[in-house]
Amino acid sequence: MPGRNGGRIRKELPGSRKIAESEWPEMQDRMIDALVRMEAALRKPIQELNV
């Protein structure tokens, strides 16, 4: 988008590309844990944004 800044954050979870369906619950737990930690780390900086 012209005139706008943007960024991306990425977390690679080993083994997340091709896993058996039986392993999905464990992968979902790992994803939820990563998202909870990311939200906690970014909560204050996001609140401080002047947008």
PDB file of N, CA and C in Angstrom:
ATOM      1  N   MET A   1       0.845  -1.170   0.000  1.00  0.00           N
ATOM      2  CA  MET A   1       0.000   0.000   0.000  1.00  0.00           C
ATOM      3  C   MET A   1       0.893   1.236   0.000  1.00  0.00           C
ATOM      4  N   PRO A   2       0.770   2.062  -0.986  1.00  0.00           N
ATOM      5  CA  PRO A   2       1.599   3.258  -1.088  1.00  0.00           C
ATOM      6  C   PRO A   2       1.448   4.169   0.137  1.00  0.00           C
ATOM      7  N   GLY A   3       2.567   4.692   0.615  1.00  0.00           N
ATOM      8  CA  GLY A   3       2.538   5.614   1.737  1.00  0.00           C
ATOM      9  C   GLY A   3       2.341   4.975   3.096  1.00  0.00           C
ATOM     10  N   ARG A   4       2.398   3.675   3.176  1.00  0.00           N
ATOM     11  CA  ARG A   4       2.193   2.984   4.447  1.00  0.00           C
ATOM     12  C   ARG A   4       3.388   2.104   4.752  1.00  0.00           C
ATOM     13  N   ASN A   5       3.646   1.934   6.020  1.00  0.00           N
ATOM     14  CA  ASN A   5       4.691   1.022   6.463  1.00  0.00           C
ATOM     15  C   ASN A   5       4.053  -0.290   6.883  1.00  0.00           C
ATOM     16  N   GLY A   6       4.796  -1.348   6.785  1.00  0.00           N
ATOM     17  CA  GLY A   6       4.268  -2.642   7.186  1.00  0.00           C
ATOM     18  C   GLY A   6       5.387  -3.539   7.661  1.00  0.00           C
ATOM     19  N   GLY A   7       5.030  -4.615   8.222  1.00  0.00           N
ATOM     20  CA  GLY A   7       6.011  -5.567   8.693  1.00  0.00           C
ATOM     21  C   GLY A   7       5.381  -6.922   8.885  1.00  0.00           C
ATOM     22  N   ARG A   8       6.221  -7.878   9.146  1.00  0.00           N
ATOM     23  CA  ARG A   8       5.761  -9.243   9.309  1.00  0.00           C
ATOM     24  C   ARG A   8       6.560  -9.904  10.420  1.00  0.00           C
ATOM     25  N   ILE A   9       5.903 -10.712  11.190  1.00  0.00           N
ATOM     26  CA  ILE A   9       6.558 -11.510  12.224  1.00  0.00           C
ATOM     27  C   ILE A   9       6.281 -12.965  11.895  1.00  0.00           C
ATOM     28  N   ARG A  10       7.325 -13.763  11.983  1.00  0.00           N
ATOM     29  CA  ARG A  10       7.173 -15.168  11.619  1.00  0.00           C
ATOM     30  C   ARG A  10       7.805 -16.049  12.685  1.00  0.00           C
ATOM     31  N   LYS A  11       7.140 -17.135  13.021  1.00  0.00           N
ATOM     32  CA  LYS A  11       7.641 -18.128  13.962  1.00  0.00           C
ATOM     33  C   LYS A  11       7.587 -19.471  13.266  1.00  0.00           C
ATOM     34  N   GLU A  12       8.740 -20.062  13.058  1.00  0.00           N
ATOM     35  CA  GLU A  12       8.818 -21.387  12.420  1.00  0.00           C
ATOM     36  C   GLU A  12       8.743 -22.456  13.512  1.00  0.00           C
ATOM     37  N   LEU A  13       7.775 -23.334  13.390  1.00  0.00           N
ATOM     38  CA  LEU A  13       7.640 -24.438  14.326  1.00  0.00           C
ATOM     39  C   LEU A  13       8.166 -25.703  13.648  1.00  0.00           C
ATOM     40  N   PRO A  14       9.277 -26.245  14.130  1.00  0.00           N
ATOM     41  CA  PRO A  14       9.839 -27.444  13.507  1.00  0.00           C
ATOM     42  C   PRO A  14       8.790 -28.555  13.388  1.00  0.00           C
ATOM     43  N   GLY A  15       8.760 -29.176  12.246  1.00  0.00           N
ATOM     44  CA  GLY A  15       7.821 -30.273  12.018  1.00  0.00           C
ATOM     45  C   GLY A  15       6.413 -29.827  11.679  1.00  0.00           C
ATOM     46  N   SER A  16       6.221 -28.537  11.441  1.00  0.00           N
ATOM     47  CA  SER A  16       4.861 -28.042  11.217  1.00  0.00           C
ATOM     48  C   SER A  16       4.396 -28.162   9.771  1.00  0.00           C
ATOM     49  N   ARG A  17       5.279 -28.502   8.868  1.00  0.00           N
ATOM     50  CA  ARG A  17       4.906 -28.547   7.447  1.00  0.00           C
ATOM     51  C   ARG A  17       4.051 -29.761   7.090  1.00  0.00           C
ATOM     52  N   LYS A  18       4.547 -30.914   7.380  1.00  0.00           N
ATOM     53  CA  LYS A  18       3.829 -32.134   7.018  1.00  0.00           C
ATOM     54  C   LYS A  18       3.794 -33.052   8.230  1.00  0.00           C
ATOM     55  N   ILE A  19       2.706 -32.979   8.951  1.00  0.00           N
ATOM     56  CA  ILE A  19       2.568 -33.841  10.120  1.00  0.00           C
ATOM     57  C   ILE A  19       1.311 -34.687   9.964  1.00  0.00           C
ATOM     58  N   ALA A  20       1.344 -35.828  10.612  1.00  0.00           N
ATOM     59  CA  ALA A  20       0.189 -36.720  10.578  1.00  0.00           C
ATOM     60  C   ALA A  20      -0.966 -36.091  11.344  1.00  0.00           C
ATOM     61  N   GLU A  21      -2.161 -36.370  10.917  1.00  0.00           N
ATOM     62  CA  GLU A  21      -3.341 -35.814  11.571  1.00  0.00           C
ATOM     63  C   GLU A  21      -3.378 -36.163  13.056  1.00  0.00           C
ATOM     64  N   SER A  22      -2.837 -37.301  13.407  1.00  0.00           N
ATOM     65  CA  SER A  22      -2.814 -37.711  14.819  1.00  0.00           C
ATOM     66  C   SER A  22      -1.945 -36.782  15.671  1.00  0.00           C
ATOM     67  N   GLU A  23      -1.058 -36.021  15.033  1.00  0.00           N
ATOM     68  CA  GLU A  23      -0.172 -35.100  15.757  1.00  0.00           C
ATOM     69  C   GLU A  23      -0.705 -33.662  15.779  1.00  0.00           C
ATOM     70  N   TRP A  24      -1.851 -33.425  15.176  1.00  0.00           N
ATOM     71  CA  TRP A  24      -2.408 -32.085  15.121  1.00  0.00           C
ATOM     72  C   TRP A  24      -2.660 -31.482  16.507  1.00  0.00           C
ATOM     73  N   PRO A  25      -3.232 -32.237  17.469  1.00  0.00           N
ATOM     74  CA  PRO A  25      -3.474 -31.625  18.785  1.00  0.00           C
ATOM     75  C   PRO A  25      -2.186 -31.097  19.432  1.00  0.00           C
ATOM     76  N   GLU A  26      -1.096 -31.835  19.322  1.00  0.00           N
ATOM     77  CA  GLU A  26       0.179 -31.366  19.885  1.00  0.00           C
ATOM     78  C   GLU A  26       0.664 -30.113  19.155  1.00  0.00           C
ATOM     79  N   MET A  27       0.540 -30.101  17.838  1.00  0.00           N
ATOM     80  CA  MET A  27       0.966 -28.941  17.066  1.00  0.00           C
ATOM     81  C   MET A  27       0.094 -27.726  17.407  1.00  0.00           C
ATOM     82  N   GLN A  28      -1.200 -27.941  17.583  1.00  0.00           N
ATOM     83  CA  GLN A  28      -2.084 -26.846  17.955  1.00  0.00           C
ATOM     84  C   GLN A  28      -1.689 -26.276  19.316  1.00  0.00           C
ATOM     85  N   ASP A  29      -1.321 -27.146  20.257  1.00  0.00           N
ATOM     86  CA  ASP A  29      -0.867 -26.674  21.565  1.00  0.00           C
ATOM     87  C   ASP A  29       0.394 -25.843  21.433  1.00  0.00           C
ATOM     88  N   ARG A  30       1.327 -26.265  20.580  1.00  0.00           N
ATOM     89  CA  ARG A  30       2.562 -25.505  20.363  1.00  0.00           C
ATOM     90  C   ARG A  30       2.269 -24.154  19.722  1.00  0.00           C
ATOM     91  N   MET A  31       1.328 -24.131  18.780  1.00  0.00           N
ATOM     92  CA  MET A  31       0.964 -22.876  18.122  1.00  0.00           C
ATOM     93  C   MET A  31       0.302 -21.916  19.108  1.00  0.00           C
ATOM     94  N   ILE A  32      -0.603 -22.425  19.927  1.00  0.00           N
ATOM     95  CA  ILE A  32      -1.281 -21.584  20.918  1.00  0.00           C
ATOM     96  C   ILE A  32      -0.274 -21.010  21.900  1.00  0.00           C
ATOM     97  N   ASP A  33       0.671 -21.838  22.359  1.00  0.00           N
ATOM     98  CA  ASP A  33       1.695 -21.370  23.280  1.00  0.00           C
ATOM     99  C   ASP A  33       2.519 -20.249  22.650  1.00  0.00           C
ATOM    100  N   ALA A  34       2.910 -20.421  21.406  1.00  0.00           N
ATOM    101  CA  ALA A  34       3.701 -19.402  20.711  1.00  0.00           C
ATOM    102  C   ALA A  34       2.903 -18.106  20.563  1.00  0.00           C
ATOM    103  N   LEU A  35       1.620 -18.204  20.236  1.00  0.00           N
ATOM    104  CA  LEU A  35       0.792 -17.011  20.076  1.00  0.00           C
ATOM    105  C   LEU A  35       0.571 -16.278  21.387  1.00  0.00           C
ATOM    106  N   VAL A  36       0.391 -17.027  22.472  1.00  0.00           N
ATOM    107  CA  VAL A  36       0.209 -16.406  23.783  1.00  0.00           C
ATOM    108  C   VAL A  36       1.469 -15.645  24.180  1.00  0.00           C
ATOM    109  N   ARG A  37       2.636 -16.257  23.966  1.00  0.00           N
ATOM    110  CA  ARG A  37       3.898 -15.587  24.291  1.00  0.00           C
ATOM    111  C   ARG A  37       4.125 -14.364  23.405  1.00  0.00           C
ATOM    112  N   MET A  38       3.783 -14.456  22.126  1.00  0.00           N
ATOM    113  CA  MET A  38       3.953 -13.325  21.216  1.00  0.00           C
ATOM    114  C   MET A  38       3.033 -12.170  21.621  1.00  0.00           C
ATOM    115  N   GLU A  39       1.800 -12.472  21.946  1.00  0.00           N
ATOM    116  CA  GLU A  39       0.856 -11.425  22.358  1.00  0.00           C
ATOM    117  C   GLU A  39       1.351 -10.735  23.624  1.00  0.00           C
ATOM    118  N   ALA A  40       1.873 -11.489  24.576  1.00  0.00           N
ATOM    119  CA  ALA A  40       2.386 -10.905  25.814  1.00  0.00           C
ATOM    120  C   ALA A  40       3.582  -9.998  25.531  1.00  0.00           C
ATOM    121  N   ALA A  41       4.445 -10.414  24.615  1.00  0.00           N
ATOM    122  CA  ALA A  41       5.633  -9.628  24.291  1.00  0.00           C
ATOM    123  C   ALA A  41       5.285  -8.346  23.536  1.00  0.00           C
ATOM    124  N   LEU A  42       4.227  -8.367  22.738  1.00  0.00           N
ATOM    125  CA  LEU A  42       3.891  -7.216  21.897  1.00  0.00           C
ATOM    126  C   LEU A  42       2.783  -6.330  22.455  1.00  0.00           C
ATOM    127  N   ARG A  43       2.141  -6.757  23.520  1.00  0.00           N
ATOM    128  CA  ARG A  43       0.994  -6.009  24.047  1.00  0.00           C
ATOM    129  C   ARG A  43       1.347  -4.547  24.318  1.00  0.00           C
ATOM    130  N   LYS A  44       2.387  -4.292  25.098  1.00  0.00           N
ATOM    131  CA  LYS A  44       2.729  -2.914  25.450  1.00  0.00           C
ATOM    132  C   LYS A  44       3.186  -2.100  24.238  1.00  0.00           C
ATOM    133  N   PRO A  45       4.107  -2.608  23.404  1.00  0.00           N
ATOM    134  CA  PRO A  45       4.493  -1.811  22.234  1.00  0.00           C
ATOM    135  C   PRO A  45       3.313  -1.464  21.316  1.00  0.00           C
ATOM    136  N   ILE A  46       2.380  -2.369  21.182  1.00  0.00           N
ATOM    137  CA  ILE A  46       1.202  -2.084  20.343  1.00  0.00           C
ATOM    138  C   ILE A  46       0.344  -0.997  20.975  1.00  0.00           C
ATOM    139  N   GLN A  47       0.162  -1.052  22.297  1.00  0.00           N
ATOM    140  CA  GLN A  47      -0.631  -0.038  22.986  1.00  0.00           C
ATOM    141  C   GLN A  47       0.004   1.345  22.867  1.00  0.00           C
ATOM    142  N   GLU A  48       1.334   1.384  22.733  1.00  0.00           N
ATOM    143  CA  GLU A  48       2.050   2.653  22.657  1.00  0.00           C
ATOM    144  C   GLU A  48       2.093   3.251  21.251  1.00  0.00           C
ATOM    145  N   LEU A  49       1.587   2.533  20.258  1.00  0.00           N
ATOM    146  CA  LEU A  49       1.576   3.051  18.900  1.00  0.00           C
ATOM    147  C   LEU A  49       0.646   4.252  18.794  1.00  0.00           C
ATOM    148  N   ASN A  50       1.063   5.221  18.033  1.00  0.00           N
ATOM    149  CA  ASN A  50       0.227   6.408  17.793  1.00  0.00           C
ATOM    150  C   ASN A  50      -0.343   6.315  16.379  1.00  0.00           C
ATOM    151  N   VAL A  51      -1.413   5.563  16.246  1.00  0.00           N
ATOM    152  CA  VAL A  51      -2.021   5.420  14.920  1.00  0.00           C
ATOM    153  C   VAL A  51      -3.458   5.878  14.965  1.00  0.00           C
TER     154      VAL A  51
END
